Amino acid sequence: GVGSPIVDILAQVPESFLADAGGEKGGMELVTAETMDRLIAKLPVEPALAPGGSAANTVFALAQLGVGASFLG
């Protein structure tokens, strides 16, 4: 797989946080670095970081199924 290696920022938040953050629940929206910093600063807990990106996730799933797979990012 060839793609952009992405680092996901994961945090459990209450519904009220989502209402204040804007955007659609379950959706994805490109934001500026300043907006991301503001949202992270408002998190009630320290977020977890997880590798991701569609190509990386697909290659990982293939490897879990026993298929020989490689990723170039």
PDB file of N, CA and C in Angstrom:
ATOM      1  N   GLY A   1       0.825  -1.182   0.000  1.00  0.00           N
ATOM      2  CA  GLY A   1       0.000   0.000   0.000  1.00  0.00           C
ATOM      3  C   GLY A   1       0.865   1.239   0.000  1.00  0.00           C
ATOM      4  N   VAL A   2       0.433   2.245  -0.689  1.00  0.00           N
ATOM      5  CA  VAL A   2       1.128   3.531  -0.721  1.00  0.00           C
ATOM      6  C   VAL A   2       0.148   4.595  -0.250  1.00  0.00           C
ATOM      7  N   GLY A   3       0.535   5.375   0.738  1.00  0.00           N
ATOM      8  CA  GLY A   3      -0.369   6.409   1.229  1.00  0.00           C
ATOM      9  C   GLY A   3       0.292   7.279   2.268  1.00  0.00           C
ATOM     10  N   SER A   4      -0.470   8.170   2.812  1.00  0.00           N
ATOM     11  CA  SER A   4       0.025   9.079   3.844  1.00  0.00           C
ATOM     12  C   SER A   4      -0.121   8.437   5.213  1.00  0.00           C
ATOM     13  N   PRO A   5       0.988   8.289   5.945  1.00  0.00           N
ATOM     14  CA  PRO A   5       0.863   7.786   7.310  1.00  0.00           C
ATOM     15  C   PRO A   5       0.241   8.881   8.185  1.00  0.00           C
ATOM     16  N   ILE A   6      -0.805   8.531   8.854  1.00  0.00           N
ATOM     17  CA  ILE A   6      -1.570   9.481   9.664  1.00  0.00           C
ATOM     18  C   ILE A   6      -1.486   9.051  11.129  1.00  0.00           C
ATOM     19  N   VAL A   7      -1.489  10.006  12.030  1.00  0.00           N
ATOM     20  CA  VAL A   7      -1.591   9.698  13.455  1.00  0.00           C
ATOM     21  C   VAL A   7      -2.942  10.212  13.925  1.00  0.00           C
ATOM     22  N   ASP A   8      -3.790   9.280  14.359  1.00  0.00           N
ATOM     23  CA  ASP A   8      -5.105   9.640  14.882  1.00  0.00           C
ATOM     24  C   ASP A   8      -4.968  10.043  16.346  1.00  0.00           C
ATOM     25  N   ILE A   9      -5.742  11.049  16.743  1.00  0.00           N
ATOM     26  CA  ILE A   9      -5.796  11.497  18.133  1.00  0.00           C
ATOM     27  C   ILE A   9      -7.138  11.034  18.677  1.00  0.00           C
ATOM     28  N   LEU A  10      -7.106  10.164  19.690  1.00  0.00           N
ATOM     29  CA  LEU A  10      -8.323   9.546  20.219  1.00  0.00           C
ATOM     30  C   LEU A  10      -8.581   9.996  21.652  1.00  0.00           C
ATOM     31  N   ALA A  11      -9.816  10.413  21.916  1.00  0.00           N
ATOM     32  CA  ALA A  11     -10.191  10.800  23.276  1.00  0.00           C
ATOM     33  C   ALA A  11     -11.681  10.555  23.471  1.00  0.00           C
ATOM     34  N   GLN A  12     -12.036  10.031  24.623  1.00  0.00           N
ATOM     35  CA  GLN A  12     -13.437   9.865  24.985  1.00  0.00           C
ATOM     36  C   GLN A  12     -13.928  11.190  25.545  1.00  0.00           C
ATOM     37  N   VAL A  13     -15.020  11.700  24.975  1.00  0.00           N
ATOM     38  CA  VAL A  13     -15.548  12.996  25.405  1.00  0.00           C
ATOM     39  C   VAL A  13     -17.067  12.896  25.580  1.00  0.00           C
ATOM     40  N   PRO A  14     -17.633  13.762  26.409  1.00  0.00           N
ATOM     41  CA  PRO A  14     -19.088  13.783  26.570  1.00  0.00           C
ATOM     42  C   PRO A  14     -19.749  14.442  25.352  1.00  0.00           C
ATOM     43  N   GLU A  15     -21.035  14.193  25.179  1.00  0.00           N
ATOM     44  CA  GLU A  15     -21.798  14.787  24.080  1.00  0.00           C
ATOM     45  C   GLU A  15     -21.680  16.310  24.077  1.00  0.00           C
ATOM     46  N   SER A  16     -21.602  16.914  25.250  1.00  0.00           N
ATOM     47  CA  SER A  16     -21.515  18.376  25.330  1.00  0.00           C
ATOM     48  C   SER A  16     -20.244  18.896  24.650  1.00  0.00           C
ATOM     49  N   PHE A  17     -19.153  18.149  24.727  1.00  0.00           N
ATOM     50  CA  PHE A  17     -17.923  18.549  24.052  1.00  0.00           C
ATOM     51  C   PHE A  17     -18.143  18.587  22.546  1.00  0.00           C
ATOM     52  N   LEU A  18     -18.822  17.582  22.032  1.00  0.00           N
ATOM     53  CA  LEU A  18     -19.088  17.521  20.591  1.00  0.00           C
ATOM     54  C   LEU A  18     -19.968  18.676  20.137  1.00  0.00           C
ATOM     55  N   ALA A  19     -20.941  19.038  20.943  1.00  0.00           N
ATOM     56  CA  ALA A  19     -21.830  20.147  20.583  1.00  0.00           C
ATOM     57  C   ALA A  19     -21.046  21.453  20.485  1.00  0.00           C
ATOM     58  N   ASP A  20     -20.080  21.646  21.382  1.00  0.00           N
ATOM     59  CA  ASP A  20     -19.285  22.872  21.380  1.00  0.00           C
ATOM     60  C   ASP A  20     -18.195  22.868  20.308  1.00  0.00           C
ATOM     61  N   ALA A  21     -17.744  21.690  19.905  1.00  0.00           N
ATOM     62  CA  ALA A  21     -16.627  21.585  18.963  1.00  0.00           C
ATOM     63  C   ALA A  21     -17.026  21.954  17.543  1.00  0.00           C
ATOM     64  N   GLY A  22     -18.292  21.767  17.207  1.00  0.00           N
ATOM     65  CA  GLY A  22     -18.733  22.013  15.836  1.00  0.00           C
ATOM     66  C   GLY A  22     -18.487  20.785  14.979  1.00  0.00           C
ATOM     67  N   GLY A  23     -18.914  20.829  13.747  1.00  0.00           N
ATOM     68  CA  GLY A  23     -18.780  19.672  12.874  1.00  0.00           C
ATOM     69  C   GLY A  23     -19.889  18.672  13.142  1.00  0.00           C
ATOM     70  N   GLU A  24     -19.909  17.621  12.351  1.00  0.00           N
ATOM     71  CA  GLU A  24     -20.960  16.606  12.459  1.00  0.00           C
ATOM     72  C   GLU A  24     -20.426  15.375  13.184  1.00  0.00           C
ATOM     73  N   LYS A  25     -21.183  14.863  14.135  1.00  0.00           N
ATOM     74  CA  LYS A  25     -20.784  13.673  14.878  1.00  0.00           C
ATOM     75  C   LYS A  25     -20.630  12.514  13.891  1.00  0.00           C
ATOM     76  N   GLY A  26     -19.495  11.819  13.992  1.00  0.00           N
ATOM     77  CA  GLY A  26     -19.235  10.688  13.117  1.00  0.00           C
ATOM     78  C   GLY A  26     -18.656  11.086  11.772  1.00  0.00           C
ATOM     79  N   GLY A  27     -18.510  12.386  11.550  1.00  0.00           N
ATOM     80  CA  GLY A  27     -17.981  12.858  10.279  1.00  0.00           C
ATOM     81  C   GLY A  27     -16.502  13.186  10.384  1.00  0.00           C
ATOM     82  N   MET A  28     -15.977  13.725   9.319  1.00  0.00           N
ATOM     83  CA  MET A  28     -14.580  14.136   9.280  1.00  0.00           C
ATOM     84  C   MET A  28     -14.518  15.512   8.642  1.00  0.00           C
ATOM     85  N   GLU A  29     -13.707  16.367   9.221  1.00  0.00           N
ATOM     86  CA  GLU A  29     -13.606  17.740   8.722  1.00  0.00           C
ATOM     87  C   GLU A  29     -12.159  18.199   8.817  1.00  0.00           C
ATOM     88  N   LEU A  30     -11.644  18.760   7.749  1.00  0.00           N
ATOM     89  CA  LEU A  30     -10.295  19.306   7.763  1.00  0.00           C
ATOM     90  C   LEU A  30     -10.304  20.611   8.553  1.00  0.00           C
ATOM     91  N   VAL A  31      -9.388  20.727   9.523  1.00  0.00           N
ATOM     92  CA  VAL A  31      -9.314  21.941  10.342  1.00  0.00           C
ATOM     93  C   VAL A  31      -7.889  22.477  10.323  1.00  0.00           C
ATOM     94  N   THR A  32      -7.742  23.726  10.693  1.00  0.00           N
ATOM     95  CA  THR A  32      -6.416  24.338  10.764  1.00  0.00           C
ATOM     96  C   THR A  32      -5.670  23.815  11.988  1.00  0.00           C
ATOM     97  N   ALA A  33      -4.360  24.022  11.988  1.00  0.00           N
ATOM     98  CA  ALA A  33      -3.546  23.627  13.138  1.00  0.00           C
ATOM     99  C   ALA A  33      -4.000  24.362  14.395  1.00  0.00           C
ATOM    100  N   GLU A  34      -4.399  25.629  14.244  1.00  0.00           N
ATOM    101  CA  GLU A  34      -4.853  26.411  15.393  1.00  0.00           C
ATOM    102  C   GLU A  34      -6.136  25.822  15.980  1.00  0.00           C
ATOM    103  N   THR A  35      -7.061  25.424  15.118  1.00  0.00           N
ATOM    104  CA  THR A  35      -8.309  24.814  15.592  1.00  0.00           C
ATOM    105  C   THR A  35      -8.023  23.497  16.291  1.00  0.00           C
ATOM    106  N   MET A  36      -7.131  22.696  15.735  1.00  0.00           N
ATOM    107  CA  MET A  36      -6.787  21.415  16.362  1.00  0.00           C
ATOM    108  C   MET A  36      -6.167  21.643  17.730  1.00  0.00           C
ATOM    109  N   ASP A  37      -5.257  22.600  17.844  1.00  0.00           N
ATOM    110  CA  ASP A  37      -4.643  22.907  19.139  1.00  0.00           C
ATOM    111  C   ASP A  37      -5.691  23.340  20.153  1.00  0.00           C
ATOM    112  N   ARG A  38      -6.660  24.150  19.707  1.00  0.00           N
ATOM    113  CA  ARG A  38      -7.721  24.623  20.604  1.00  0.00           C
ATOM    114  C   ARG A  38      -8.577  23.450  21.093  1.00  0.00           C
ATOM    115  N   LEU A  39      -8.931  22.544  20.190  1.00  0.00           N
ATOM    116  CA  LEU A  39      -9.751  21.393  20.571  1.00  0.00           C
ATOM    117  C   LEU A  39      -8.998  20.466  21.521  1.00  0.00           C
ATOM    118  N   ILE A  40      -7.740  20.211  21.235  1.00  0.00           N
ATOM    119  CA  ILE A  40      -6.944  19.331  22.099  1.00  0.00           C
ATOM    120  C   ILE A  40      -6.799  19.937  23.490  1.00  0.00           C
ATOM    121  N   ALA A  41      -6.622  21.251  23.560  1.00  0.00           N
ATOM    122  CA  ALA A  41      -6.489  21.921  24.862  1.00  0.00           C
ATOM    123  C   ALA A  41      -7.754  21.799  25.695  1.00  0.00           C
ATOM    124  N   LYS A  42      -8.913  21.658  25.045  1.00  0.00           N
ATOM    125  CA  LYS A  42     -10.190  21.557  25.759  1.00  0.00           C
ATOM    126  C   LYS A  42     -10.553  20.128  26.144  1.00  0.00           C
ATOM    127  N   LEU A  43      -9.769  19.131  25.724  1.00  0.00           N
ATOM    128  CA  LEU A  43     -10.108  17.747  26.046  1.00  0.00           C
ATOM    129  C   LEU A  43     -10.096  17.522  27.551  1.00  0.00           C
ATOM    130  N   PRO A  44     -11.062  16.759  28.059  1.00  0.00           N
ATOM    131  CA  PRO A  44     -11.120  16.499  29.497  1.00  0.00           C
ATOM    132  C   PRO A  44     -10.067  15.490  29.959  1.00  0.00           C
ATOM    133  N   VAL A  45      -9.478  14.740  29.036  1.00  0.00           N
ATOM    134  CA  VAL A  45      -8.449  13.746  29.362  1.00  0.00           C
ATOM    135  C   VAL A  45      -7.343  13.819  28.316  1.00  0.00           C
ATOM    136  N   GLU A  46      -6.182  13.284  28.658  1.00  0.00           N
ATOM    137  CA  GLU A  46      -5.066  13.222  27.713  1.00  0.00           C
ATOM    138  C   GLU A  46      -5.434  12.271  26.573  1.00  0.00           C
ATOM    139  N   PRO A  47      -5.280  12.701  25.320  1.00  0.00           N
ATOM    140  CA  PRO A  47      -5.656  11.819  24.210  1.00  0.00           C
ATOM    141  C   PRO A  47      -4.619  10.719  23.977  1.00  0.00           C
ATOM    142  N   ALA A  48      -5.073   9.638  23.352  1.00  0.00           N
ATOM    143  CA  ALA A  48      -4.186   8.559  22.927  1.00  0.00           C
ATOM    144  C   ALA A  48      -3.852   8.788  21.458  1.00  0.00           C
ATOM    145  N   LEU A  49      -2.681   8.367  21.044  1.00  0.00           N
ATOM    146  CA  LEU A  49      -2.266   8.488  19.654  1.00  0.00           C
ATOM    147  C   LEU A  49      -2.240   7.090  19.038  1.00  0.00           C
ATOM    148  N   ALA A  50      -2.729   6.976  17.806  1.00  0.00           N
ATOM    149  CA  ALA A  50      -2.768   5.691  17.121  1.00  0.00           C
ATOM    150  C   ALA A  50      -2.406   5.891  15.652  1.00  0.00           C
ATOM    151  N   PRO A  51      -1.545   5.012  15.103  1.00  0.00           N
ATOM    152  CA  PRO A  51      -1.229   5.133  13.687  1.00  0.00           C
ATOM    153  C   PRO A  51      -2.449   4.811  12.844  1.00  0.00           C
ATOM    154  N   GLY A  52      -2.542   5.437  11.690  1.00  0.00           N
ATOM    155  CA  GLY A  52      -3.691   5.185  10.830  1.00  0.00           C
ATOM    156  C   GLY A  52      -3.456   5.688   9.426  1.00  0.00           C
ATOM    157  N   GLY A  53      -4.537   5.986   8.750  1.00  0.00           N
ATOM    158  CA  GLY A  53      -4.531   6.335   7.341  1.00  0.00           C
ATOM    159  C   GLY A  53      -5.132   5.174   6.577  1.00  0.00           C
ATOM    160  N   SER A  54      -5.883   5.443   5.545  1.00  0.00           N
ATOM    161  CA  SER A  54      -6.616   4.371   4.860  1.00  0.00           C
ATOM    162  C   SER A  54      -5.696   3.311   4.279  1.00  0.00           C
ATOM    163  N   ALA A  55      -4.591   3.701   3.659  1.00  0.00           N
ATOM    164  CA  ALA A  55      -3.678   2.701   3.092  1.00  0.00           C
ATOM    165  C   ALA A  55      -3.042   1.862   4.202  1.00  0.00           C
ATOM    166  N   ALA A  56      -2.587   2.507   5.267  1.00  0.00           N
ATOM    167  CA  ALA A  56      -1.971   1.784   6.376  1.00  0.00           C
ATOM    168  C   ALA A  56      -2.967   0.847   7.045  1.00  0.00           C
ATOM    169  N   ASN A  57      -4.189   1.299   7.249  1.00  0.00           N
ATOM    170  CA  ASN A  57      -5.208   0.446   7.865  1.00  0.00           C
ATOM    171  C   ASN A  57      -5.526  -0.761   6.989  1.00  0.00           C
ATOM    172  N   THR A  58      -5.585  -0.562   5.670  1.00  0.00           N
ATOM    173  CA  THR A  58      -5.866  -1.664   4.752  1.00  0.00           C
ATOM    174  C   THR A  58      -4.740  -2.681   4.760  1.00  0.00           C
ATOM    175  N   VAL A  59      -3.491  -2.207   4.703  1.00  0.00           N
ATOM    176  CA  VAL A  59      -2.341  -3.109   4.735  1.00  0.00           C
ATOM    177  C   VAL A  59      -2.305  -3.878   6.053  1.00  0.00           C
ATOM    178  N   PHE A  60      -2.600  -3.210   7.149  1.00  0.00           N
ATOM    179  CA  PHE A  60      -2.633  -3.880   8.457  1.00  0.00           C
ATOM    180  C   PHE A  60      -3.686  -4.985   8.469  1.00  0.00           C
ATOM    181  N   ALA A  61      -4.872  -4.682   7.955  1.00  0.00           N
ATOM    182  CA  ALA A  61      -5.944  -5.690   7.922  1.00  0.00           C
ATOM    183  C   ALA A  61      -5.543  -6.882   7.054  1.00  0.00           C
ATOM    184  N   LEU A  62      -4.921  -6.625   5.922  1.00  0.00           N
ATOM    185  CA  LEU A  62      -4.461  -7.716   5.064  1.00  0.00           C
ATOM    186  C   LEU A  62      -3.439  -8.583   5.783  1.00  0.00           C
ATOM    187  N   ALA A  63      -2.505  -7.940   6.483  1.00  0.00           N
ATOM    188  CA  ALA A  63      -1.501  -8.685   7.239  1.00  0.00           C
ATOM    189  C   ALA A  63      -2.150  -9.538   8.325  1.00  0.00           C
ATOM    190  N   GLN A  64      -3.184  -8.996   8.986  1.00  0.00           N
ATOM    191  CA  GLN A  64      -3.903  -9.756  10.016  1.00  0.00           C
ATOM    192  C   GLN A  64      -4.579 -10.992   9.416  1.00  0.00           C
ATOM    193  N   LEU A  65      -4.945 -10.906   8.138  1.00  0.00           N
ATOM    194  CA  LEU A  65      -5.573 -12.038   7.439  1.00  0.00           C
ATOM    195  C   LEU A  65      -4.541 -13.016   6.889  1.00  0.00           C
ATOM    196  N   GLY A  66      -3.253 -12.720   7.074  1.00  0.00           N
ATOM    197  CA  GLY A  66      -2.211 -13.624   6.623  1.00  0.00           C
ATOM    198  C   GLY A  66      -1.695 -13.314   5.223  1.00  0.00           C
ATOM    199  N   VAL A  67      -2.150 -12.231   4.627  1.00  0.00           N
ATOM    200  CA  VAL A  67      -1.694 -11.826   3.298  1.00  0.00           C
ATOM    201  C   VAL A  67      -0.372 -11.082   3.459  1.00  0.00           C
ATOM    202  N   GLY A  68       0.609 -11.392   2.615  1.00  0.00           N
ATOM    203  CA  GLY A  68       1.869 -10.646   2.641  1.00  0.00           C
ATOM    204  C   GLY A  68       1.585  -9.210   2.222  1.00  0.00           C
ATOM    205  N   ALA A  69       1.949  -8.249   3.043  1.00  0.00           N
ATOM    206  CA  ALA A  69       1.618  -6.856   2.750  1.00  0.00           C
ATOM    207  C   ALA A  69       2.730  -5.934   3.219  1.00  0.00           C
ATOM    208  N   SER A  70       2.904  -4.828   2.506  1.00  0.00           N
ATOM    209  CA  SER A  70       3.889  -3.811   2.862  1.00  0.00           C
ATOM    210  C   SER A  70       3.258  -2.441   2.707  1.00  0.00           C
ATOM    211  N   PHE A  71       3.835  -1.470   3.412  1.00  0.00           N
ATOM    212  CA  PHE A  71       3.317  -0.105   3.348  1.00  0.00           C
ATOM    213  C   PHE A  71       4.461   0.854   3.070  1.00  0.00           C
ATOM    214  N   LEU A  72       4.228   1.788   2.157  1.00  0.00           N
ATOM    215  CA  LEU A  72       5.172   2.854   1.857  1.00  0.00           C
ATOM    216  C   LEU A  72       4.457   4.172   2.072  1.00  0.00           C
ATOM    217  N   GLY A  73       4.971   4.987   2.988  1.00  0.00           N
ATOM    218  CA  GLY A  73       4.304   6.249   3.281  1.00  0.00           C
ATOM    219  C   GLY A  73       5.253   7.405   3.167  1.00  0.00           C
TER     220      GLY A  73
END
